[in-house]
Amino acid sequence: MDATTPTRNRNRRGQGELLRRDIIDAALRMLNELGDDETLSLRAVAREVGIAATSVYIHFADRDALVFAALEQSTADLIRDLDEAEASSDDPVEQLRARLLFLGNWTTEYAGLYKVLHESTLNRRMHLAFKAELGVRATAAVQRCMDAGLAPAGDAAAVALDLRSAVHGAVSIRINEPEAHLPPLAEQIDRFLVKLVGVAG
């Protein structure tokens, strides 16, 4: 550790998991700032946490392993928050709308993480299996609309995929083309719900 690296008190025995979470949290902050996993270095993460670079290797074999763990944690947190957003209403359509709006607002705050999670080369180097749960939850939300008679019966998984593709496209344009003149995301989401899911306008 060089003179510019902040010092950190050693964790007491049994607190290694706390350090691991600190490393993940630091990586998430930096990934959100960078918007690119390939520019992240383990040494920079170590400096952010205030530990020696060798301490990072105790928990993560390499950069990809750390980024994978960080994105897995971020996705788990996002899924929890999406579920909480849905719980704000008993109406299946409003639940689905709340889920999509929350995702849109999340990408505004965490645009860098969104880019790493969905647009980075990490997706070609590794299978991010934890992302599948987002699709499972979206399909379940669409299925609830169908079961309640609020959307035409059909293949909920196919409808959810079309809906997610549309929302991701709308979000990606906002992130990558910030000067583009676009309608409010909420308006687009309402149109997607009508055109793709078939709910009443």
Protein backbone atom coordinates (compact mmCIF):
# COMPACT_ATOMS: atom_id res chain seq x y z
CA MET A 1 0.00 0.00 0.00
CA ASP A 2 1.49 3.35 -0.99
CA ALA A 3 1.36 6.61 0.89
CA THR A 4 -1.67 7.82 -1.07
CA THR A 5 -3.81 4.82 -0.12
CA PRO A 6 -6.14 5.47 2.82
CA THR A 7 -5.76 3.08 5.70
CA ARG A 8 -8.51 0.82 6.92
CA ASN A 9 -8.85 -0.84 10.27
CA ARG A 10 -8.40 -4.60 10.06
CA ASN A 11 -11.64 -6.54 10.33
CA ARG A 12 -12.01 -8.60 13.44
CA ARG A 13 -12.04 -12.38 13.06
CA GLY A 14 -15.20 -13.50 11.28
CA GLN A 15 -15.78 -10.13 9.60
CA GLY A 16 -14.28 -11.01 6.23
CA GLU A 17 -17.76 -10.93 4.70
CA LEU A 18 -18.03 -7.27 5.69
CA LEU A 19 -14.87 -6.49 3.75
CA ARG A 20 -16.18 -8.43 0.77
CA ARG A 21 -19.35 -6.31 0.77
CA ASP A 22 -17.27 -3.12 1.12
CA ILE A 23 -15.29 -4.16 -1.96
CA ILE A 24 -18.49 -4.87 -3.91
CA ASP A 25 -20.02 -1.54 -2.85
CA ALA A 26 -16.89 0.31 -3.97
CA ALA A 27 -16.91 -1.53 -7.29
CA LEU A 28 -20.57 -0.62 -7.83
CA ARG A 29 -19.90 3.07 -7.19
CA MET A 30 -16.98 3.05 -9.59
CA LEU A 31 -18.79 1.06 -12.29
CA ASN A 32 -21.65 3.54 -12.14
CA GLU A 33 -19.20 6.40 -12.61
CA LEU A 34 -17.24 4.67 -15.37
CA GLY A 35 -20.08 2.99 -17.27
CA ASP A 36 -17.55 0.41 -18.47
CA ASP A 37 -16.28 -2.66 -16.65
CA GLU A 38 -13.07 -2.86 -18.69
CA THR A 39 -11.76 0.42 -17.28
CA LEU A 40 -12.18 -0.78 -13.71
CA SER A 41 -9.00 -1.93 -11.99
CA LEU A 42 -8.71 -3.95 -8.82
CA ARG A 43 -6.01 -1.56 -7.58
CA ALA A 44 -8.39 1.37 -7.95
CA VAL A 45 -11.09 -0.52 -6.05
CA ALA A 46 -8.59 -1.32 -3.31
CA ARG A 47 -7.67 2.36 -3.02
CA GLU A 48 -11.36 3.26 -2.80
CA VAL A 49 -11.86 0.82 0.08
CA GLY A 50 -8.55 1.69 1.75
CA ILE A 51 -6.92 -1.72 1.58
CA ALA A 52 -3.97 -3.34 -0.17
CA ALA A 53 -4.68 -4.69 -3.65
CA THR A 54 -3.71 -8.17 -2.45
CA SER A 55 -6.68 -8.08 -0.04
CA VAL A 56 -9.07 -7.89 -3.00
CA TYR A 57 -7.65 -11.11 -4.43
CA ILE A 58 -8.54 -12.93 -1.22
CA HIS A 59 -12.19 -12.50 -2.19
CA PHE A 60 -12.11 -12.24 -6.01
CA ALA A 61 -9.87 -14.12 -8.43
CA ASP A 62 -9.85 -11.33 -11.01
CA ARG A 63 -11.68 -8.25 -12.24
CA ASP A 64 -14.41 -10.22 -14.02
CA ALA A 65 -15.19 -12.14 -10.82
CA LEU A 66 -15.55 -8.88 -8.90
CA VAL A 67 -17.71 -7.26 -11.58
CA PHE A 68 -19.90 -10.36 -11.76
CA ALA A 69 -20.40 -10.32 -7.97
CA ALA A 70 -21.11 -6.59 -7.99
CA LEU A 71 -23.70 -6.84 -10.76
CA GLU A 72 -25.28 -9.87 -9.12
CA GLN A 73 -25.69 -7.89 -5.89
CA SER A 74 -26.98 -4.85 -7.77
CA THR A 75 -29.53 -6.97 -9.63
CA ALA A 76 -30.71 -8.62 -6.40
CA ASP A 77 -31.20 -5.16 -4.86
CA LEU A 78 -33.03 -3.98 -7.99
CA ILE A 79 -35.37 -6.99 -7.95
CA ARG A 80 -36.19 -6.32 -4.30
CA ASP A 81 -36.97 -2.68 -5.07
CA LEU A 82 -39.05 -3.59 -8.13
CA ASP A 83 -41.10 -5.97 -6.01
CA GLU A 84 -41.64 -3.20 -3.45
CA ALA A 85 -42.76 -0.83 -6.21
CA GLU A 86 -45.29 -3.40 -7.40
CA ALA A 87 -46.63 -3.81 -3.87
CA SER A 88 -47.84 -0.19 -3.89
CA SER A 89 -51.02 -1.29 -5.72
CA ASP A 90 -53.40 -4.23 -5.82
CA ASP A 91 -54.20 -3.65 -9.49
CA PRO A 92 -52.10 -5.91 -11.79
CA VAL A 93 -51.81 -3.26 -14.51
CA GLU A 94 -50.70 -0.62 -12.02
CA GLN A 95 -48.23 -3.12 -10.58
CA LEU A 96 -46.72 -3.71 -14.01
CA ARG A 97 -46.65 0.02 -14.73
CA ALA A 98 -44.98 0.72 -11.37
CA ARG A 99 -42.35 -1.92 -12.15
CA LEU A 100 -41.52 -0.33 -15.50
CA LEU A 101 -41.48 3.22 -14.15
CA PHE A 102 -39.20 2.22 -11.29
CA LEU A 103 -36.81 0.59 -13.76
CA GLY A 104 -36.79 3.77 -15.82
CA ASN A 105 -36.04 5.91 -12.77
CA TRP A 106 -33.36 3.46 -11.63
CA THR A 107 -31.53 3.78 -14.93
CA THR A 108 -31.51 7.56 -14.57
CA GLU A 109 -29.67 7.26 -11.27
CA TYR A 110 -27.54 4.27 -12.22
CA ALA A 111 -26.93 4.83 -15.93
CA GLY A 112 -23.37 3.55 -15.68
CA LEU A 113 -24.43 0.32 -14.00
CA TYR A 114 -27.16 -0.13 -16.57
CA LYS A 115 -24.61 0.14 -19.38
CA VAL A 116 -22.31 -2.40 -17.74
CA LEU A 117 -25.19 -4.76 -16.99
CA HIS A 118 -26.77 -4.66 -20.45
CA GLU A 119 -24.34 -3.13 -22.95
CA SER A 120 -20.83 -4.15 -21.87
CA THR A 121 -18.55 -6.79 -23.36
CA LEU A 122 -18.88 -8.66 -20.07
CA ASN A 123 -22.13 -10.04 -21.49
CA ARG A 124 -20.13 -11.75 -24.24
CA ARG A 125 -17.41 -13.00 -21.90
CA MET A 126 -19.64 -14.41 -19.18
CA HIS A 127 -23.16 -15.75 -18.76
CA LEU A 128 -24.86 -13.38 -16.31
CA ALA A 129 -27.35 -15.98 -15.14
CA PHE A 130 -28.80 -13.74 -12.43
CA LYS A 131 -30.29 -11.45 -15.11
CA ALA A 132 -32.80 -14.17 -15.99
CA GLU A 133 -34.76 -13.43 -12.83
CA LEU A 134 -35.68 -10.00 -14.20
CA GLY A 135 -37.37 -11.72 -17.14
CA VAL A 136 -39.11 -14.20 -14.86
CA ARG A 137 -40.56 -11.39 -12.73
CA ALA A 138 -41.65 -9.43 -15.80
CA THR A 139 -43.42 -12.48 -17.24
CA ALA A 140 -45.20 -13.05 -13.94
CA ALA A 141 -46.36 -9.43 -13.90
CA VAL A 142 -47.78 -9.71 -17.43
CA GLN A 143 -49.41 -13.04 -16.56
CA ARG A 144 -51.21 -11.43 -13.62
CA CYS A 145 -52.74 -8.88 -16.01
CA MET A 146 -53.93 -11.69 -18.27
CA ASP A 147 -55.29 -13.77 -15.40
CA ALA A 148 -57.27 -10.77 -14.13
CA GLY A 149 -58.84 -10.25 -17.56
CA LEU A 150 -57.11 -6.87 -17.89
CA ALA A 151 -55.07 -7.95 -20.92
CA PRO A 152 -55.82 -10.45 -23.71
CA ALA A 153 -54.82 -14.02 -22.89
CA GLY A 154 -51.69 -15.15 -24.67
CA ASP A 155 -48.06 -16.11 -24.29
CA ALA A 156 -47.05 -14.01 -21.28
CA ALA A 157 -43.35 -14.74 -21.77
CA ALA A 158 -43.43 -13.50 -25.39
CA VAL A 159 -45.40 -10.38 -24.44
CA ALA A 160 -43.05 -9.68 -21.54
CA LEU A 161 -40.04 -10.02 -23.84
CA ASP A 162 -41.52 -7.55 -26.33
CA LEU A 163 -42.34 -5.17 -23.48
CA ARG A 164 -38.89 -5.41 -21.93
CA SER A 165 -37.28 -4.89 -25.33
CA ALA A 166 -39.32 -1.73 -25.87
CA VAL A 167 -38.56 -0.33 -22.43
CA HIS A 168 -34.86 -1.15 -22.72
CA GLY A 169 -34.77 0.59 -26.08
CA ALA A 170 -36.44 3.69 -24.65
CA VAL A 171 -34.06 3.71 -21.70
CA SER A 172 -30.97 3.11 -23.85
CA ILE A 173 -31.79 6.05 -26.12
CA ARG A 174 -32.06 8.30 -23.07
CA ILE A 175 -28.72 7.12 -21.72
CA ASN A 176 -26.76 7.13 -24.97
CA GLU A 177 -28.43 10.08 -26.71
CA PRO A 178 -29.04 12.57 -23.87
CA GLU A 179 -29.72 15.41 -26.34
CA ALA A 180 -32.51 13.54 -28.12
CA HIS A 181 -35.95 15.13 -27.91
CA LEU A 182 -38.12 12.42 -26.37
CA PRO A 183 -41.51 12.29 -24.70
CA PRO A 184 -41.68 11.57 -20.97
CA LEU A 185 -40.82 7.93 -20.33
CA ALA A 186 -44.10 7.47 -18.45
CA GLU A 187 -46.01 8.34 -21.63
CA GLN A 188 -44.03 5.82 -23.65
CA ILE A 189 -44.57 3.14 -21.03
CA ASP A 190 -48.33 3.76 -21.11
CA ARG A 191 -48.30 3.32 -24.89
CA PHE A 192 -46.24 0.13 -24.58
CA LEU A 193 -48.78 -1.26 -22.11
CA VAL A 194 -51.63 -0.56 -24.52
CA LYS A 195 -49.92 -1.68 -27.74
CA LEU A 196 -47.84 -4.59 -26.50
CA VAL A 197 -49.74 -5.95 -23.50
CA GLY A 198 -53.20 -4.94 -24.67
CA VAL A 199 -54.42 -3.19 -21.53
CA ALA A 200 -57.16 -0.59 -21.82
CA GLY A 201 -55.88 2.86 -22.74
